[in-house]
Each structure stands twice: as C-alpha cells, then as structure tokens.
Amino acid sequence: MTSRRMKRTVLTTAVASAAVLAASVPALTAPAQPPAAASPSLTAVPQMLNAGVRMQAAPLPPACSEAIFKTEEKFPTTRYTVPDEPWNALLGEVVNLTEAEQAELTESACAAWNSWAVANGPVVAKDLDTRWQNAAAPVCNKWAVATMGSVKKYAPTVPAETRKLEAVVKKVWQGAMTKLSAEAPDAACRTAYNKVKAGW
C-alpha cells in the first residue's frame, strides 16, 4: 500500500468512525491533491494509531489490521481528501499515546467498527464528498468542515463496542487541532482548525 493510500486509510477511519481506527481518520493525503479512487471519512487517525502501536511492538488484532488497512475500500470518496498538515499533526499525537490507550485497539472493538463501516461506508463517503464540495476554500477549511460535519453526524451511530476507541480518537483530534490552531502557517487554516478543535 502506498504512503498516500495508507494516510487516507488512517485518517478516514478516525474521522468516519470517530473511533481510533482510521487512527486512523483514521485518518490523510497530500494537500491540494485529488483523492485516489476510494476512501472517505473522518479521518483519520487510524494509521497513525497503528504507527503508535508498532512503536510499542504490540501486535494488532486481525480485525484492527483490517480496520486500518482496508478502511479505504469501505469508504469510496471521490472528492474528500486529507491535507498533509493535519495528517502530520494527528500522527504526532498518535505516536504519543500511552500503552493503555493503545490497548483499546481490541479485536471486538475493531470487528464492530468493520461491520459498521461495511454497512455505512458508501453513505458516509457521499456525505464527506458533499460537505467537501460545499465548504469554502482553502483546502484546510474544506477538510475541517467536511470531517467534523460527518463525524458529528455519524459518530452517534457507531456501535457501543467502539466507544473506548472513540475516546482515544477524541484525545488525538483535540491535541492535533489545538496545536494547529496556534501553529499552522496560514491564518485561514489556523481559524479553520480552531473552529473544530473541540471535537464532537
């Protein structure tokens, strides 16, 4: 899997599911580049989470590997994409997760997420694409608006089994957006990140 596709998978999971996997939105792609042929949702933090888990040499349960590496297949977006700036910030937060937080990536939680993603992926992807298209430029704002809009809409429908993962994703999200709202080079992007830093 290419680095770009892996990034999209990660953020996608985090965002779409509002559950660490896609920490995996979930979870992120290059700045003004159009997204590849399949992938959507919030993002994303999933791959990032995977990166953190590997740093601790802890093996991922099979369902979690699927959630991280195959999420892209479940969310076929055509417009939505994740800029490098938030991707890197989210990744930075993920690698700093504690072992206890990483331990929330369990087989049962990931399996519940996978089932939800299969059933809801196309609908979430369409929502992300629509929000992306309708949001105002720059790209950082389109991403922030689309991601948070979809997360708020669909997070309540994610299975209860993923709630502990969601708590970790929220921590990652809030840490990354808080940092970006203060340190992003572009003023418009700082404003965009500030508007969504509270999470969902």
Protein backbone atom coordinates (compact mmCIF):
# COMPACT_ATOMS: atom_id res chain seq x y z
CA MET A 1 0.00 0.00 0.00
CA THR A 2 1.43 3.43 -0.91
CA SER A 3 2.18 6.02 1.75
CA ARG A 4 -0.56 8.23 0.40
CA ARG A 5 -3.20 5.49 0.45
CA MET A 6 -2.11 4.47 3.92
CA LYS A 7 -2.53 8.01 5.15
CA ARG A 8 -6.01 8.24 3.68
CA THR A 9 -6.96 4.97 5.29
CA VAL A 10 -5.82 6.09 8.66
CA LEU A 11 -7.50 9.38 8.81
CA THR A 12 -10.53 8.05 7.17
CA THR A 13 -11.12 5.60 9.90
CA ALA A 14 -10.63 8.04 12.63
CA VAL A 15 -12.91 10.52 11.14
CA ALA A 16 -15.61 8.42 9.70
CA SER A 17 -15.88 6.23 12.68
CA ALA A 18 -14.93 8.65 15.31
CA ALA A 19 -13.17 5.67 16.70
CA VAL A 20 -9.44 5.47 16.74
CA LEU A 21 -9.21 3.27 13.78
CA ALA A 22 -8.81 5.24 10.80
CA ALA A 23 -6.07 6.48 13.82
CA SER A 24 -6.51 6.07 11.68
CA VAL A 25 -9.23 9.27 10.05
CA PRO A 26 -8.40 7.31 10.83
CA ALA A 27 -7.24 9.10 9.47
CA LEU A 28 -4.70 11.52 5.28
CA THR A 29 -3.47 12.66 1.82
CA ALA A 30 -1.35 15.32 0.26
CA PRO A 31 -2.50 18.94 0.39
CA ALA A 32 -4.13 20.00 -2.77
CA GLN A 33 -4.05 16.64 -4.46
CA PRO A 34 -7.27 14.98 -5.54
CA PRO A 35 -8.07 11.84 -3.58
CA ALA A 36 -7.44 8.46 -5.10
CA ALA A 37 -10.27 6.32 -6.23
CA ALA A 38 -11.57 5.21 -2.89
CA SER A 39 -11.63 6.42 0.66
CA PRO A 40 -13.62 8.84 2.76
CA SER A 41 -14.43 9.73 6.21
CA LEU A 42 -13.09 11.43 9.07
CA THR A 43 -10.40 10.73 9.34
CA ALA A 44 -8.41 9.50 10.47
CA VAL A 45 -6.31 8.75 12.73
CA PRO A 46 -6.16 5.04 12.27
CA GLN A 47 -2.88 4.54 10.53
CA MET A 48 -1.41 6.89 12.99
CA LEU A 49 -2.68 4.72 15.74
CA ASN A 50 -1.18 1.75 14.02
CA ALA A 51 2.13 3.56 13.92
CA GLY A 52 1.96 4.17 17.63
CA VAL A 53 1.11 0.55 18.33
CA ARG A 54 4.04 -0.67 16.30
CA MET A 55 6.37 1.66 18.17
CA GLN A 56 5.44 -0.27 21.29
CA ALA A 57 5.98 -3.57 19.46
CA ALA A 58 2.44 -4.62 20.25
CA PRO A 59 0.80 -6.76 17.57
CA LEU A 60 -2.52 -5.59 16.17
CA PRO A 61 -5.53 -7.91 16.41
CA PRO A 62 -6.62 -9.16 12.94
CA ALA A 63 -9.80 -7.09 12.95
CA CYS A 64 -7.78 -3.97 13.73
CA SER A 65 -5.40 -4.62 10.85
CA GLU A 66 -8.44 -4.86 8.60
CA ALA A 67 -9.90 -1.67 10.02
CA ILE A 68 -6.69 0.19 9.40
CA PHE A 69 -5.56 -1.20 6.08
CA LYS A 70 -8.89 -1.88 4.38
CA THR A 71 -11.00 1.04 5.50
CA GLU A 72 -10.29 2.78 2.23
CA GLU A 73 -12.22 0.07 0.43
CA LYS A 74 -15.26 0.68 2.62
CA PHE A 75 -15.44 4.46 2.11
CA PRO A 76 -15.38 5.25 -1.63
CA THR A 77 -14.98 9.03 -1.62
CA THR A 78 -14.23 10.89 -4.84
CA ARG A 79 -13.52 14.45 -3.60
CA TYR A 80 -12.74 14.35 0.09
CA THR A 81 -9.04 14.29 0.95
CA VAL A 82 -6.79 14.98 3.94
CA PRO A 83 -4.06 17.63 3.69
CA ASP A 84 -0.56 16.82 4.94
CA GLU A 85 -0.69 19.43 7.69
CA PRO A 86 -3.48 17.84 9.77
CA TRP A 87 -2.27 14.37 8.89
CA ASN A 88 1.17 15.08 10.36
CA ALA A 89 -0.31 16.71 13.44
CA LEU A 90 -2.63 13.78 14.06
CA LEU A 91 0.20 11.33 13.55
CA GLY A 92 2.27 13.24 16.07
CA GLU A 93 -0.48 12.83 18.65
CA VAL A 94 -0.95 9.15 17.88
CA VAL A 95 2.66 8.20 18.42
CA ASN A 96 2.42 9.72 21.88
CA LEU A 97 -0.49 7.55 23.00
CA THR A 98 0.11 5.60 26.17
CA GLU A 99 0.20 1.82 26.17
CA ALA A 100 -3.13 1.83 27.99
CA GLU A 101 -4.67 3.95 25.22
CA GLN A 102 -3.19 1.73 22.53
CA ALA A 103 -4.67 -1.26 24.36
CA GLU A 104 -8.14 -0.03 23.41
CA LEU A 105 -7.50 -1.46 19.94
CA THR A 106 -9.17 -4.76 20.66
CA GLU A 107 -10.44 -7.48 18.34
CA SER A 108 -14.05 -6.98 19.43
CA ALA A 109 -13.98 -3.20 19.10
CA CYS A 110 -12.33 -3.34 15.69
CA ALA A 111 -14.70 -6.05 14.46
CA ALA A 112 -17.65 -3.88 15.48
CA TRP A 113 -16.13 -0.96 13.60
CA ASN A 114 -15.55 -3.05 10.48
CA SER A 115 -19.15 -4.21 10.42
CA TRP A 116 -20.37 -0.65 10.83
CA ALA A 117 -18.04 0.62 8.10
CA VAL A 118 -19.22 -2.00 5.62
CA ALA A 119 -22.85 -1.13 6.27
CA ASN A 120 -22.44 2.66 6.32
CA GLY A 121 -19.32 3.41 4.27
CA PRO A 122 -20.96 4.44 0.99
CA VAL A 123 -23.38 6.79 2.74
CA VAL A 124 -20.64 8.38 4.85
CA ALA A 125 -18.43 8.74 1.79
CA LYS A 126 -21.14 10.57 -0.11
CA ASP A 127 -21.71 12.87 2.85
CA LEU A 128 -17.99 13.66 3.09
CA ASP A 129 -17.78 14.41 -0.62
CA THR A 130 -20.81 16.68 -0.49
CA ARG A 131 -19.56 18.59 2.53
CA TRP A 132 -16.12 18.93 0.92
CA GLN A 133 -17.60 20.29 -2.29
CA ASN A 134 -19.81 22.80 -0.47
CA ALA A 135 -17.21 24.07 2.02
CA ALA A 136 -15.27 27.24 1.28
CA ALA A 137 -11.60 27.20 0.34
CA PRO A 138 -8.80 26.87 1.33
CA VAL A 139 -8.34 23.10 1.36
CA CYS A 140 -7.64 23.04 5.09
CA ASN A 141 -11.07 24.54 5.73
CA LYS A 142 -12.80 22.17 3.31
CA TRP A 143 -11.20 19.26 5.14
CA ALA A 144 -12.04 20.56 8.62
CA VAL A 145 -15.65 21.37 7.73
CA ALA A 146 -16.29 18.09 5.92
CA THR A 147 -14.59 15.95 8.52
CA MET A 148 -16.22 17.44 11.58
CA GLY A 149 -19.62 17.66 9.90
CA SER A 150 -19.62 13.96 9.05
CA VAL A 151 -18.15 12.91 12.37
CA LYS A 152 -20.83 14.73 14.32
CA LYS A 153 -23.50 13.23 12.11
CA TYR A 154 -22.35 9.61 12.16
CA ALA A 155 -20.39 9.15 15.39
CA PRO A 156 -23.61 8.53 17.38
CA THR A 157 -24.42 5.58 15.13
CA VAL A 158 -21.11 3.77 15.61
CA PRO A 159 -21.51 0.62 17.77
CA ALA A 160 -21.18 0.97 21.53
CA GLU A 161 -18.29 -1.52 21.43
CA THR A 162 -16.11 1.19 19.84
CA ARG A 163 -16.71 3.90 22.44
CA LYS A 164 -13.37 3.43 24.20
CA LEU A 165 -11.64 3.76 20.85
CA GLU A 166 -13.63 6.91 20.23
CA ALA A 167 -12.35 8.40 23.47
CA VAL A 168 -8.79 7.89 22.27
CA VAL A 169 -9.61 9.37 18.88
CA LYS A 170 -11.08 12.44 20.52
CA LYS A 171 -7.91 12.94 22.52
CA VAL A 172 -5.80 12.67 19.37
CA TRP A 173 -8.10 15.02 17.46
CA GLN A 174 -8.24 17.69 20.15
CA GLY A 175 -4.49 17.64 20.70
CA ALA A 176 -3.71 17.96 16.99
CA MET A 177 -6.29 20.65 16.23
CA THR A 178 -5.32 22.68 19.29
CA LYS A 179 -1.70 22.64 18.18
CA LEU A 180 -2.57 23.53 14.58
CA SER A 181 -4.91 26.32 15.61
CA ALA A 182 -1.90 28.01 17.19
CA GLU A 183 0.95 26.96 14.93
CA ALA A 184 -0.35 26.49 11.36
CA PRO A 185 1.49 28.88 8.98
CA ASP A 186 -1.69 30.07 7.23
CA ALA A 187 -4.07 32.33 9.18
CA ALA A 188 -7.15 30.95 7.42
CA CYS A 189 -6.10 27.43 8.36
CA ARG A 190 -5.50 28.41 11.98
CA THR A 191 -9.06 29.70 12.05
CA ALA A 192 -10.39 26.52 10.44
CA TYR A 193 -8.60 24.26 12.93
CA ASN A 194 -9.67 26.43 15.86
CA LYS A 195 -13.33 26.02 14.90
CA VAL A 196 -13.13 22.23 15.11
CA LYS A 197 -10.61 21.72 17.91
CA ALA A 198 -13.29 20.96 20.50
CA GLY A 199 -14.17 17.83 18.55
CA TRP A 200 -17.58 16.20 18.59
